[in-house]
N, C-alpha and C. Protein backbone atom coordinates (compact mmCIF):
# COMPACT_ATOMS: atom_id res chain seq x y z
N MET A 1 18.13 32.67 -4.39
CA MET A 1 18.62 32.31 -3.19
C MET A 1 17.17 32.12 -2.22
N ILE A 2 16.84 31.30 -1.44
CA ILE A 2 15.54 31.03 -1.00
C ILE A 2 15.61 31.16 0.70
N ASP A 3 15.25 32.27 1.19
CA ASP A 3 15.32 32.54 2.71
C ASP A 3 14.83 31.42 3.44
N LEU A 4 15.13 30.61 4.48
CA LEU A 4 14.56 29.45 5.04
C LEU A 4 14.56 29.73 6.85
N ASP A 5 13.72 29.27 7.33
CA ASP A 5 13.48 29.38 9.00
C ASP A 5 13.82 27.84 9.53
N LEU A 6 13.43 26.83 8.59
CA LEU A 6 13.83 25.45 9.18
C LEU A 6 14.11 24.47 7.85
N ILE A 7 15.04 23.83 7.94
CA ILE A 7 15.35 22.58 7.16
C ILE A 7 14.94 21.21 7.82
N ILE A 8 14.06 20.45 6.91
CA ILE A 8 13.96 18.99 7.49
C ILE A 8 14.66 18.26 6.44
N PHE A 9 15.16 17.06 7.17
CA PHE A 9 16.37 16.25 6.67
C PHE A 9 15.78 14.78 6.75
N ASP A 10 15.68 14.22 5.52
CA ASP A 10 15.44 12.72 5.69
C ASP A 10 16.85 12.10 6.38
N LEU A 11 16.75 10.95 6.94
CA LEU A 11 18.01 10.38 7.34
C LEU A 11 18.98 9.48 6.20
N ASP A 12 18.24 7.87 6.47
CA ASP A 12 19.03 7.10 5.41
C ASP A 12 19.02 7.82 3.96
N GLY A 13 20.23 7.81 3.46
CA GLY A 13 20.66 8.04 2.27
C GLY A 13 20.86 9.51 2.20
N THR A 14 20.43 10.14 3.04
CA THR A 14 20.57 11.78 3.19
C THR A 14 21.68 12.08 4.18
N LEU A 15 21.43 11.74 5.30
CA LEU A 15 22.34 12.37 6.50
C LEU A 15 23.52 11.01 6.54
N ILE A 16 22.92 9.97 6.67
CA ILE A 16 23.82 8.75 6.71
C ILE A 16 23.87 7.69 5.52
N ASP A 17 24.89 6.86 5.55
CA ASP A 17 24.90 5.92 4.59
C ASP A 17 24.78 4.44 5.47
N SER A 18 23.72 3.96 5.41
CA SER A 18 22.99 2.92 6.22
C SER A 18 22.73 1.85 5.13
N LYS A 19 23.30 2.26 3.84
CA LYS A 19 22.98 1.33 2.64
C LYS A 19 23.39 -0.43 3.23
N ALA A 20 25.17 -0.43 3.52
CA ALA A 20 25.22 -1.79 3.82
C ALA A 20 24.44 -2.70 4.74
N ASP A 21 24.43 -1.87 6.01
CA ASP A 21 23.77 -2.65 7.13
C ASP A 21 22.28 -3.09 6.95
N ILE A 22 21.46 -2.41 6.21
CA ILE A 22 20.26 -2.37 5.96
C ILE A 22 20.30 -3.67 4.82
N ALA A 23 20.85 -3.81 3.95
CA ALA A 23 21.09 -4.99 2.90
C ALA A 23 21.55 -6.32 3.64
N ASN A 24 22.56 -6.08 4.77
CA ASN A 24 23.09 -7.24 5.47
C ASN A 24 21.88 -7.97 6.14
N ALA A 25 21.13 -7.11 6.85
CA ALA A 25 19.98 -7.44 7.66
C ALA A 25 18.88 -8.26 6.74
N VAL A 26 18.67 -7.63 5.78
CA VAL A 26 17.72 -8.29 4.62
C VAL A 26 18.24 -9.56 4.43
N ASN A 27 19.46 -9.66 3.73
CA ASN A 27 19.91 -10.97 3.42
C ASN A 27 20.13 -11.76 4.46
N TYR A 28 20.20 -11.66 5.58
CA TYR A 28 20.11 -12.70 7.11
C TYR A 28 18.74 -13.10 6.90
N MET A 29 17.78 -12.20 6.99
CA MET A 29 16.65 -12.38 7.07
C MET A 29 15.96 -13.33 6.11
N LEU A 30 16.69 -13.10 4.70
CA LEU A 30 16.03 -14.27 3.68
C LEU A 30 16.93 -15.64 3.72
N THR A 31 17.95 -15.57 4.34
CA THR A 31 18.92 -17.17 4.48
C THR A 31 18.01 -17.75 5.34
N GLN A 32 17.69 -17.23 6.82
CA GLN A 32 17.02 -17.55 7.47
C GLN A 32 15.74 -18.35 7.25
N LEU A 33 15.16 -17.80 6.05
CA LEU A 33 13.91 -18.31 5.73
C LEU A 33 14.00 -19.10 4.52
N ASP A 34 15.44 -19.45 4.37
CA ASP A 34 15.70 -20.43 3.21
C ASP A 34 15.22 -19.94 1.74
N LEU A 35 15.24 -18.57 1.60
CA LEU A 35 15.18 -17.85 0.31
C LEU A 35 16.44 -17.22 -0.13
N LYS A 36 16.60 -17.02 -1.50
CA LYS A 36 17.76 -16.46 -2.19
C LYS A 36 18.21 -14.95 -1.87
N PRO A 37 19.24 -14.85 -1.03
CA PRO A 37 19.58 -13.54 -1.04
C PRO A 37 19.37 -12.77 -2.32
N LEU A 38 19.36 -11.44 -2.13
CA LEU A 38 19.30 -10.40 -3.08
C LEU A 38 20.41 -9.63 -3.21
N GLU A 39 20.94 -9.27 -4.57
CA GLU A 39 22.14 -8.12 -4.75
C GLU A 39 21.60 -6.78 -4.03
N ASP A 40 22.62 -6.17 -3.37
CA ASP A 40 22.53 -5.01 -2.65
C ASP A 40 21.34 -3.99 -3.16
N GLU A 41 21.91 -3.44 -4.60
CA GLU A 41 21.03 -2.68 -5.31
C GLU A 41 19.64 -2.81 -5.25
N ILE A 42 19.37 -4.15 -5.41
CA ILE A 42 17.79 -4.22 -5.20
C ILE A 42 17.11 -3.92 -4.03
N ILE A 43 17.54 -4.64 -3.10
CA ILE A 43 17.67 -4.02 -1.49
C ILE A 43 17.11 -2.61 -1.34
N HIS A 44 18.37 -1.80 -1.90
CA HIS A 44 18.30 -0.54 -1.78
C HIS A 44 17.11 0.13 -2.66
N SER A 45 16.54 -0.42 -3.43
CA SER A 45 15.44 0.42 -4.39
C SER A 45 14.41 0.17 -3.83
N TYR A 46 14.10 -0.86 -2.50
CA TYR A 46 13.10 -1.07 -1.99
C TYR A 46 13.01 -0.25 -0.50
N VAL A 47 14.00 0.53 -0.15
CA VAL A 47 14.15 1.31 1.30
C VAL A 47 13.53 2.61 0.60
N GLY A 48 12.93 3.34 2.08
CA GLY A 48 12.52 4.60 1.70
C GLY A 48 10.81 4.68 2.32
N LYS A 49 10.15 3.73 2.25
CA LYS A 49 8.57 3.90 2.70
C LYS A 49 7.90 2.84 3.99
N GLY A 50 9.45 2.57 4.60
CA GLY A 50 8.96 2.07 6.07
C GLY A 50 9.57 0.66 5.96
N VAL A 51 9.73 -0.36 7.00
CA VAL A 51 10.26 -1.41 6.92
C VAL A 51 9.24 -2.53 6.54
N ALA A 52 8.20 -2.37 6.89
CA ALA A 52 7.17 -3.21 6.27
C ALA A 52 7.09 -3.61 4.98
N ARG A 53 7.01 -2.35 4.11
CA ARG A 53 7.33 -2.54 2.74
C ARG A 53 8.49 -2.85 2.10
N LEU A 54 9.59 -2.55 2.76
CA LEU A 54 10.80 -3.30 2.29
C LEU A 54 10.90 -4.70 2.77
N ILE A 55 10.36 -5.47 3.81
CA ILE A 55 10.25 -6.57 3.91
C ILE A 55 9.26 -7.50 3.15
N LYS A 56 8.25 -6.95 2.81
CA LYS A 56 7.13 -7.34 2.03
C LYS A 56 7.67 -7.68 0.28
N ARG A 57 8.41 -6.47 -0.03
CA ARG A 57 8.89 -6.63 -1.27
C ARG A 57 10.17 -7.54 -1.58
N SER A 58 10.93 -7.60 -0.16
CA SER A 58 11.95 -8.70 -0.38
C SER A 58 11.51 -10.09 -0.39
N ILE A 59 10.72 -10.16 0.29
CA ILE A 59 9.96 -12.00 0.38
C ILE A 59 9.24 -12.21 -0.69
N THR A 60 8.76 -11.36 -1.43
CA THR A 60 7.93 -11.26 -2.25
C THR A 60 6.33 -11.85 -1.99
N ASP A 61 5.31 -11.54 -2.96
CA ASP A 61 4.15 -12.07 -2.57
C ASP A 61 3.94 -13.52 -2.17
N ASN A 62 4.96 -14.81 -2.65
CA ASN A 62 4.82 -15.70 -2.97
C ASN A 62 5.01 -16.55 -1.32
N HIS A 63 5.56 -15.51 -0.49
CA HIS A 63 5.99 -15.74 1.07
C HIS A 63 5.54 -14.92 2.15
N LEU A 64 4.33 -14.08 1.78
CA LEU A 64 3.58 -13.63 2.53
C LEU A 64 3.36 -14.09 3.89
N ASP A 65 3.22 -15.30 3.59
CA ASP A 65 2.34 -16.12 5.06
C ASP A 65 3.48 -16.02 5.70
N GLU A 66 5.08 -15.63 5.63
CA GLU A 66 6.00 -15.57 6.72
C GLU A 66 6.56 -14.20 6.89
N PHE A 67 5.64 -13.50 6.62
CA PHE A 67 5.81 -11.90 6.89
C PHE A 67 6.36 -11.82 8.26
N ASP A 68 5.27 -11.85 9.15
CA ASP A 68 5.28 -11.90 10.69
C ASP A 68 6.97 -12.50 11.26
N LYS A 69 7.25 -13.53 10.56
CA LYS A 69 8.49 -14.27 10.83
C LYS A 69 10.05 -13.14 10.31
N ALA A 70 9.60 -13.00 9.01
CA ALA A 70 10.69 -12.41 8.21
C ALA A 70 10.54 -10.95 9.25
N ILE A 71 9.96 -10.14 9.42
CA ILE A 71 10.18 -8.97 9.93
C ILE A 71 10.78 -8.81 11.48
N ARG A 72 10.20 -9.86 12.34
CA ARG A 72 10.94 -10.28 13.43
C ARG A 72 12.51 -10.67 13.30
N LEU A 73 12.85 -11.44 12.04
CA LEU A 73 14.20 -11.98 11.88
C LEU A 73 15.27 -10.39 11.96
N PHE A 74 14.62 -9.55 10.64
CA PHE A 74 14.94 -8.33 10.14
C PHE A 74 15.25 -7.60 11.46
N ARG A 75 14.23 -7.06 12.18
CA ARG A 75 14.47 -6.22 13.27
C ARG A 75 15.40 -6.59 14.48
N ASP A 76 15.47 -8.16 14.80
CA ASP A 76 16.45 -8.58 15.72
C ASP A 76 17.67 -8.39 15.17
N TYR A 77 17.84 -8.75 13.75
CA TYR A 77 19.19 -8.66 13.49
C TYR A 77 19.83 -7.41 13.35
N TYR A 78 18.99 -6.46 12.63
CA TYR A 78 19.49 -5.28 12.37
C TYR A 78 19.30 -4.31 13.77
N LEU A 79 18.91 -4.72 14.80
CA LEU A 79 19.03 -3.80 15.96
C LEU A 79 20.48 -4.34 16.58
N GLU A 80 21.06 -5.20 16.34
CA GLU A 80 22.25 -5.90 16.83
C GLU A 80 23.31 -5.31 15.77
N HIS A 81 23.39 -4.93 14.73
CA HIS A 81 24.23 -4.36 13.62
C HIS A 81 24.04 -3.15 13.14
N LEU A 82 23.36 -2.31 13.68
CA LEU A 82 23.15 -0.84 13.36
C LEU A 82 24.28 0.05 12.90
N MET A 83 25.26 -0.08 13.67
CA MET A 83 26.46 0.68 13.11
C MET A 83 27.72 -0.17 12.82
N ASP A 84 27.48 -1.53 12.04
CA ASP A 84 28.54 -2.15 11.64
C ASP A 84 29.30 -1.57 10.53
N ASN A 85 28.60 -0.62 9.64
CA ASN A 85 29.16 -0.15 8.50
C ASN A 85 28.71 1.23 8.35
N THR A 86 27.60 1.90 9.25
CA THR A 86 27.06 3.24 8.87
C THR A 86 27.42 4.16 9.45
N THR A 87 27.83 5.11 8.49
CA THR A 87 28.48 6.39 8.75
C THR A 87 27.90 7.66 8.23
N ILE A 88 28.19 8.79 8.71
CA ILE A 88 27.88 10.22 8.12
C ILE A 88 28.36 10.30 6.82
N TYR A 89 27.46 10.84 5.72
CA TYR A 89 27.94 11.20 4.47
C TYR A 89 28.92 12.23 4.69
N PRO A 90 29.64 12.41 3.61
CA PRO A 90 30.67 13.83 3.47
C PRO A 90 30.09 14.93 3.68
N ASN A 91 30.31 15.95 4.41
CA ASN A 91 29.74 17.43 4.43
C ASN A 91 28.43 17.54 5.28
N VAL A 92 27.90 16.16 5.83
CA VAL A 92 26.95 16.70 6.36
C VAL A 92 27.20 17.40 7.93
N ASN A 93 28.22 17.02 8.53
CA ASN A 93 28.34 18.10 9.47
C ASN A 93 28.86 19.67 9.24
N SER A 94 29.41 19.64 8.45
CA SER A 94 29.55 21.04 7.86
C SER A 94 28.55 21.67 7.83
N ILE A 95 27.76 21.24 6.71
CA ILE A 95 26.35 21.84 6.34
C ILE A 95 25.54 22.25 7.54
N LEU A 96 25.46 21.02 8.34
CA LEU A 96 24.49 21.33 9.59
C LEU A 96 25.09 22.60 10.26
N LYS A 97 26.24 22.77 10.48
CA LYS A 97 27.15 24.36 11.09
C LYS A 97 26.81 25.25 10.45
N TYR A 98 26.68 25.04 9.19
CA TYR A 98 26.75 26.24 8.40
C TYR A 98 25.18 26.85 8.69
N PHE A 99 23.94 25.91 8.77
CA PHE A 99 23.13 26.19 8.70
C PHE A 99 22.68 26.49 10.37
N GLY A 100 23.64 26.59 11.12
CA GLY A 100 23.58 26.70 12.34
C GLY A 100 22.53 27.55 12.87
N GLY A 101 22.22 28.38 12.35
CA GLY A 101 21.05 29.63 13.01
C GLY A 101 19.90 29.38 12.38
N LYS A 102 19.66 28.24 11.70
CA LYS A 102 18.10 27.91 11.60
C LYS A 102 17.75 26.66 12.06
N LYS A 103 16.28 26.52 12.37
CA LYS A 103 15.94 25.43 12.96
C LYS A 103 16.04 24.28 11.99
N LYS A 104 16.07 22.99 12.87
CA LYS A 104 16.41 21.93 12.07
C LYS A 104 15.65 20.47 12.41
N ALA A 105 15.07 19.83 11.74
CA ALA A 105 14.45 18.62 11.98
C ALA A 105 14.93 17.22 11.13
N ILE A 106 15.01 16.39 11.71
CA ILE A 106 14.85 14.80 11.04
C ILE A 106 13.51 14.32 11.05
N VAL A 107 12.86 13.95 9.95
CA VAL A 107 11.67 13.12 9.69
C VAL A 107 12.27 12.17 8.66
N THR A 108 12.01 10.92 9.64
CA THR A 108 12.28 9.64 9.09
C THR A 108 11.20 8.93 9.00
N ASN A 109 11.41 7.50 8.18
CA ASN A 109 10.26 6.42 7.95
C ASN A 109 10.70 5.10 8.91
N LYS A 110 12.48 5.60 9.71
CA LYS A 110 12.77 4.54 10.44
C LYS A 110 12.39 4.47 11.63
N ASP A 111 12.02 3.20 12.30
CA ASP A 111 11.32 3.25 13.79
C ASP A 111 12.55 3.81 14.70
N GLU A 112 12.12 4.51 15.73
CA GLU A 112 12.77 5.15 16.73
C GLU A 112 13.65 4.07 17.34
N ARG A 113 13.17 3.12 17.34
CA ARG A 113 14.32 1.70 18.09
C ARG A 113 15.69 1.76 17.04
N TYR A 114 15.65 2.35 16.21
CA TYR A 114 16.82 2.24 15.74
C TYR A 114 17.53 3.58 15.13
N THR A 115 16.38 4.35 14.80
CA THR A 115 16.95 5.97 14.50
C THR A 115 17.81 6.74 15.89
N SER A 116 17.33 6.68 17.07
CA SER A 116 17.83 6.90 18.22
C SER A 116 19.33 6.46 18.29
N PRO A 117 19.43 5.22 18.36
CA PRO A 117 20.67 4.83 18.62
C PRO A 117 21.84 5.51 17.79
N ILE A 118 21.70 5.26 16.38
CA ILE A 118 22.49 5.77 15.24
C ILE A 118 22.59 7.24 15.20
N ILE A 119 21.30 7.94 15.63
CA ILE A 119 22.05 9.71 15.55
C ILE A 119 23.03 9.83 17.12
N ASN A 120 22.46 9.02 18.00
CA ASN A 120 23.32 9.41 19.21
C ASN A 120 24.90 8.81 19.01
N ASP A 121 24.92 7.63 18.49
CA ASP A 121 26.41 7.32 18.12
C ASP A 121 26.91 7.99 16.91
N LEU A 122 26.29 8.53 16.31
CA LEU A 122 26.98 9.47 15.18
C LEU A 122 27.02 10.82 15.75
N GLY A 123 26.98 11.32 16.81
CA GLY A 123 26.95 12.75 17.29
C GLY A 123 26.06 13.66 16.73
N LEU A 124 24.85 13.16 16.21
CA LEU A 124 23.89 14.08 15.52
C LEU A 124 23.13 15.00 16.25
N PHE A 125 22.79 14.47 17.49
CA PHE A 125 21.49 14.79 18.05
C PHE A 125 21.50 16.59 18.66
N PRO A 126 22.85 16.98 18.85
CA PRO A 126 22.50 18.22 19.15
C PRO A 126 22.27 19.21 17.93
N TYR A 127 22.48 18.85 16.60
CA TYR A 127 21.99 19.56 15.59
C TYR A 127 20.77 19.74 15.54
N PHE A 128 19.58 19.08 15.97
CA PHE A 128 18.30 19.08 15.52
C PHE A 128 17.49 19.51 16.71
N ASP A 129 16.49 20.36 16.36
CA ASP A 129 15.12 20.65 17.31
C ASP A 129 14.02 19.76 17.39
N LYS A 130 14.06 18.80 16.59
CA LYS A 130 13.00 17.91 16.59
C LYS A 130 13.33 16.84 15.60
N ILE A 131 12.96 15.82 16.43
CA ILE A 131 13.28 14.17 15.38
C ILE A 131 11.80 13.46 15.51
N ILE A 132 11.57 13.26 14.07
CA ILE A 132 10.10 12.47 13.99
C ILE A 132 10.37 10.85 13.25
N CYS A 133 10.27 10.02 13.76
CA CYS A 133 10.73 8.63 13.39
C CYS A 133 9.17 8.20 12.55
N GLY A 134 9.51 6.75 12.33
CA GLY A 134 8.56 6.25 11.28
C GLY A 134 7.36 5.38 12.25
N ASP A 135 7.50 5.80 13.48
CA ASP A 135 6.46 4.99 14.28
C ASP A 135 6.04 6.15 15.42
N THR A 136 6.40 7.50 15.14
CA THR A 136 5.86 8.56 16.15
C THR A 136 4.61 8.75 15.60
N MET A 137 4.19 8.93 14.49
CA MET A 137 2.73 9.37 13.94
C MET A 137 2.08 8.39 13.63
N SER A 138 0.78 8.88 13.29
CA SER A 138 -0.05 7.47 12.55
C SER A 138 0.40 7.35 10.92
N ASN A 139 0.87 8.40 10.42
CA ASN A 139 1.23 7.89 8.90
C ASN A 139 2.68 8.36 8.89
N LYS A 140 3.19 7.53 7.77
CA LYS A 140 4.82 7.90 7.22
C LYS A 140 4.79 8.37 6.12
N LYS A 141 5.80 9.41 6.01
CA LYS A 141 5.89 9.86 4.60
C LYS A 141 5.65 8.68 3.27
N PRO A 142 5.17 9.10 2.04
CA PRO A 142 5.04 10.25 1.84
C PRO A 142 3.87 11.07 2.43
N HIS A 143 2.89 10.40 3.44
CA HIS A 143 2.08 11.19 3.97
C HIS A 143 2.71 12.70 4.50
N PRO A 144 2.04 13.87 4.62
CA PRO A 144 2.53 15.03 4.70
C PRO A 144 2.35 15.05 6.47
N GLU A 145 2.01 14.00 7.38
CA GLU A 145 1.22 14.30 8.52
C GLU A 145 2.69 14.36 9.28
N PRO A 146 3.74 13.84 8.76
CA PRO A 146 4.96 14.26 10.20
C PRO A 146 5.58 15.25 9.89
N LEU A 147 5.65 15.96 8.20
CA LEU A 147 6.13 17.29 8.29
C LEU A 147 5.51 18.21 8.66
N ASN A 148 3.84 18.16 8.47
CA ASN A 148 3.08 19.09 9.28
C ASN A 148 3.19 19.32 10.96
N ALA A 149 3.51 18.11 11.56
CA ALA A 149 3.71 18.08 13.03
C ALA A 149 5.01 19.08 13.19
N VAL A 150 6.18 18.80 12.43
CA VAL A 150 7.07 19.61 12.81
C VAL A 150 7.09 21.03 12.41
N ILE A 151 6.46 21.28 11.65
CA ILE A 151 6.08 22.72 11.44
C ILE A 151 5.54 23.63 12.24
N ASP A 152 4.20 22.72 12.50
CA ASP A 152 3.14 23.37 13.60
C ASP A 152 4.09 23.55 14.98
N GLN A 153 4.87 22.38 15.58
CA GLN A 153 5.16 22.51 16.47
C GLN A 153 6.42 23.34 16.82
N LEU A 154 7.17 23.88 15.66
CA LEU A 154 8.44 24.46 15.66
C LEU A 154 7.86 26.19 15.22
N GLY A 155 6.74 26.31 14.97
CA GLY A 155 6.09 27.58 14.35
C GLY A 155 6.70 28.21 13.34
N VAL A 156 6.82 27.71 12.24
CA VAL A 156 7.31 28.28 11.42
C VAL A 156 6.26 28.47 10.08
N GLU A 157 6.55 29.37 9.13
CA GLU A 157 5.55 29.66 7.94
C GLU A 157 6.02 28.63 6.99
N ARG A 158 5.27 28.33 5.85
CA ARG A 158 5.56 26.91 5.28
C ARG A 158 6.37 27.43 3.96
N ASP A 159 6.51 28.74 3.75
CA ASP A 159 7.27 29.34 2.66
C ASP A 159 8.58 29.46 3.13
N LYS A 160 8.79 29.10 4.55
CA LYS A 160 10.51 29.23 4.74
C LYS A 160 10.83 27.99 5.34
N VAL A 161 9.82 26.96 4.61
CA VAL A 161 10.33 25.42 5.06
C VAL A 161 10.91 24.66 3.72
N LEU A 162 12.20 23.79 3.93
CA LEU A 162 12.33 22.90 2.96
C LEU A 162 12.77 21.46 3.52
N ILE A 163 12.46 20.52 2.81
CA ILE A 163 12.57 19.37 3.19
C ILE A 163 13.52 18.53 2.07
N VAL A 164 14.98 17.92 2.67
CA VAL A 164 16.21 17.35 1.76
C VAL A 164 15.93 15.80 2.02
N GLY A 165 15.78 15.20 0.69
CA GLY A 165 15.89 13.95 1.01
C GLY A 165 16.23 13.17 -0.56
N ASP A 166 16.45 11.71 -0.37
CA ASP A 166 17.01 11.37 -1.34
C ASP A 166 15.73 10.48 -2.11
N GLY A 167 14.61 10.29 -2.05
CA GLY A 167 13.73 9.30 -1.95
C GLY A 167 12.28 10.26 -2.71
N SER A 168 11.46 9.88 -3.49
CA SER A 168 10.30 10.08 -3.59
C SER A 168 9.30 10.41 -2.83
N ALA A 169 9.45 9.22 -1.41
CA ALA A 169 8.54 9.73 -0.34
C ALA A 169 8.86 11.13 0.03
N ASP A 170 10.06 11.60 0.34
CA ASP A 170 10.60 12.66 0.70
C ASP A 170 9.90 13.97 -0.02
N ILE A 171 10.22 13.66 -1.51
CA ILE A 171 9.42 15.06 -2.30
C ILE A 171 7.85 15.08 -2.22
N GLU A 172 7.27 13.67 -2.29
CA GLU A 172 6.09 13.56 -2.16
C GLU A 172 5.54 14.40 -0.90
N ALA A 173 5.90 14.03 0.22
CA ALA A 173 5.67 14.46 1.39
C ALA A 173 5.72 16.00 1.45
N GLY A 174 6.89 16.48 0.81
CA GLY A 174 6.81 18.16 0.89
C GLY A 174 5.99 18.80 -0.05
N ARG A 175 5.74 18.32 -0.86
CA ARG A 175 4.73 18.59 -1.89
C ARG A 175 3.51 18.64 -1.38
N ARG A 176 3.26 18.08 -0.91
CA ARG A 176 1.74 17.76 -0.24
C ARG A 176 1.55 18.86 0.96
N ALA A 177 2.64 19.00 1.71
CA ALA A 177 2.82 19.86 2.82
C ALA A 177 2.80 21.26 2.82
N ASN A 178 3.15 21.48 0.91
CA ASN A 178 3.32 22.89 0.50
C ASN A 178 4.54 23.22 1.24
N ILE A 179 5.46 23.06 1.10
CA ILE A 179 6.90 23.65 1.47
C ILE A 179 7.88 23.06 0.24
N HIS A 180 9.34 24.07 0.34
CA HIS A 180 10.14 23.56 -0.59
C HIS A 180 10.74 22.40 -0.69
N THR A 181 11.06 21.83 -1.81
CA THR A 181 11.67 20.31 -1.99
C THR A 181 13.26 20.13 -2.51
N CYS A 182 13.89 19.63 -2.18
CA CYS A 182 15.18 19.48 -2.67
C CYS A 182 15.54 17.72 -2.75
N GLY A 183 15.71 17.46 -3.84
CA GLY A 183 16.46 16.15 -3.93
C GLY A 183 17.81 15.85 -3.81
N LEU A 184 18.33 14.69 -2.97
CA LEU A 184 19.90 14.66 -3.12
C LEU A 184 20.07 13.40 -3.56
N THR A 185 20.90 13.20 -4.69
CA THR A 185 21.31 11.79 -5.28
C THR A 185 22.48 11.32 -4.70
N GLY A 186 22.66 9.73 -4.72
CA GLY A 186 23.46 9.02 -4.28
C GLY A 186 23.04 8.53 -3.11
N GLY A 187 21.96 8.62 -2.31
CA GLY A 187 21.26 7.86 -1.59
C GLY A 187 20.55 6.61 -2.13
N PHE A 188 19.44 6.35 -1.68
CA PHE A 188 18.82 5.04 -2.17
C PHE A 188 17.84 5.51 -3.34
N GLY A 189 17.45 6.62 -3.79
CA GLY A 189 16.80 6.96 -4.72
C GLY A 189 17.50 7.12 -6.03
N SER A 190 17.20 7.46 -7.12
CA SER A 190 17.98 7.81 -8.25
C SER A 190 17.34 9.21 -8.49
N ARG A 191 18.38 9.96 -9.28
CA ARG A 191 18.04 11.22 -10.18
C ARG A 191 16.35 11.30 -10.51
N GLU A 192 16.60 10.17 -11.53
CA GLU A 192 14.98 9.78 -12.19
C GLU A 192 14.53 9.78 -11.34
N VAL A 193 14.19 9.29 -10.19
CA VAL A 193 13.22 8.89 -9.26
C VAL A 193 12.77 10.31 -8.89
N LEU A 194 13.62 11.48 -8.36
CA LEU A 194 13.70 12.55 -7.78
C LEU A 194 12.94 13.46 -8.77
N VAL A 195 13.39 13.36 -10.12
CA VAL A 195 12.82 14.19 -11.21
C VAL A 195 11.05 13.77 -11.32
N GLU A 196 10.98 12.27 -11.20
CA GLU A 196 9.62 12.24 -11.57
C GLU A 196 8.75 12.60 -10.31
N ALA A 197 9.60 12.72 -9.24
CA ALA A 197 8.76 12.77 -8.08
C ALA A 197 7.92 14.41 -7.75
N GLY A 198 9.00 15.19 -8.38
CA GLY A 198 9.03 16.62 -8.84
C GLY A 198 9.82 17.71 -8.03
N ALA A 199 10.91 16.92 -7.27
CA ALA A 199 11.73 17.92 -6.62
C ALA A 199 12.16 19.08 -7.38
N GLN A 200 11.89 20.26 -6.71
CA GLN A 200 12.19 21.34 -7.41
C GLN A 200 13.70 21.81 -7.66
N ILE A 201 14.57 21.20 -6.66
CA ILE A 201 16.01 21.40 -6.79
C ILE A 201 16.56 19.78 -6.63
N ILE A 202 17.57 19.49 -7.23
CA ILE A 202 18.23 18.31 -7.11
C ILE A 202 19.73 18.69 -7.22
N ILE A 203 20.22 17.87 -5.86
CA ILE A 203 21.72 18.27 -5.97
C ILE A 203 22.63 16.96 -5.94
N ASP A 204 23.62 16.79 -6.20
CA ASP A 204 24.59 15.81 -5.88
C ASP A 204 25.14 15.28 -4.71
N ASP A 205 25.81 16.72 -3.98
CA ASP A 205 26.16 16.73 -2.63
C ASP A 205 25.52 17.70 -1.82
N ILE A 206 25.31 17.36 -0.77
CA ILE A 206 24.60 18.36 0.48
C ILE A 206 25.13 19.48 0.76
N ALA A 207 26.29 19.79 0.27
CA ALA A 207 27.16 21.09 0.81
C ALA A 207 26.57 21.97 -0.39
N GLU A 208 25.98 21.50 -1.35
CA GLU A 208 25.42 22.40 -2.47
C GLU A 208 24.02 23.12 -1.92
N LEU A 209 23.44 22.85 -0.72
CA LEU A 209 22.44 23.53 -0.16
C LEU A 209 22.64 24.92 -0.02
N LYS A 210 24.06 25.08 0.37
CA LYS A 210 24.58 26.71 0.54
C LYS A 210 24.31 27.68 -0.85
N ASN A 211 24.42 26.70 -1.70
CA ASN A 211 24.12 27.45 -3.00
C ASN A 211 22.73 27.75 -3.59
N TYR A 212 21.93 27.31 -2.74
CA TYR A 212 20.40 27.82 -3.18
C TYR A 212 19.33 28.48 -2.13
N TYR A 213 20.03 28.43 -1.02
CA TYR A 213 19.55 28.79 0.29
C TYR A 213 20.03 29.51 1.24
N LEU A 214 19.41 30.22 1.86
CA LEU A 214 20.24 31.01 3.07
C LEU A 214 19.29 30.65 4.31
């Protein structure tokens, strides 16, 4: 068992299931550009390293001349449909309460304009000491900058810090920040992606955190 002072959580695919709403927004954007919609699973595989990467991969290199319009269409639609289907994953509230005595933070590559309404609507704000979004810092995950900022601002030692996330960006950022890493399956990333990224521990249910950490 590893004793922790701070747990940093990813958001999409870790605390919340936002798969359907993100996929719907991407496919709305594609249809407005007269492009063929994509299977949800393909879109999900593009999530995790920021909205610009998501849009570029969705429209492909053949249509990068329409990138500005594409990202505007996506952002406007998604902002209006943030909570159509998005929910908290099972056991999230219980595990946040279980670690109630620990400092907790969210570090997400999702922009603040989407993050704050979702966290507020789902009642997650009171659990967290710090929230850093994709447009808070100069760099996003997998760069360690947002993790380093949380660690410095909350004044904890790195050997007492864990990041929990569903994608390679979370694990890589954690490794580069020299903190503990835990991969969570069932989100946007696969077990294979988490293994390849070098996650120290991989779990299938967020409730399993209590089996490894104090």
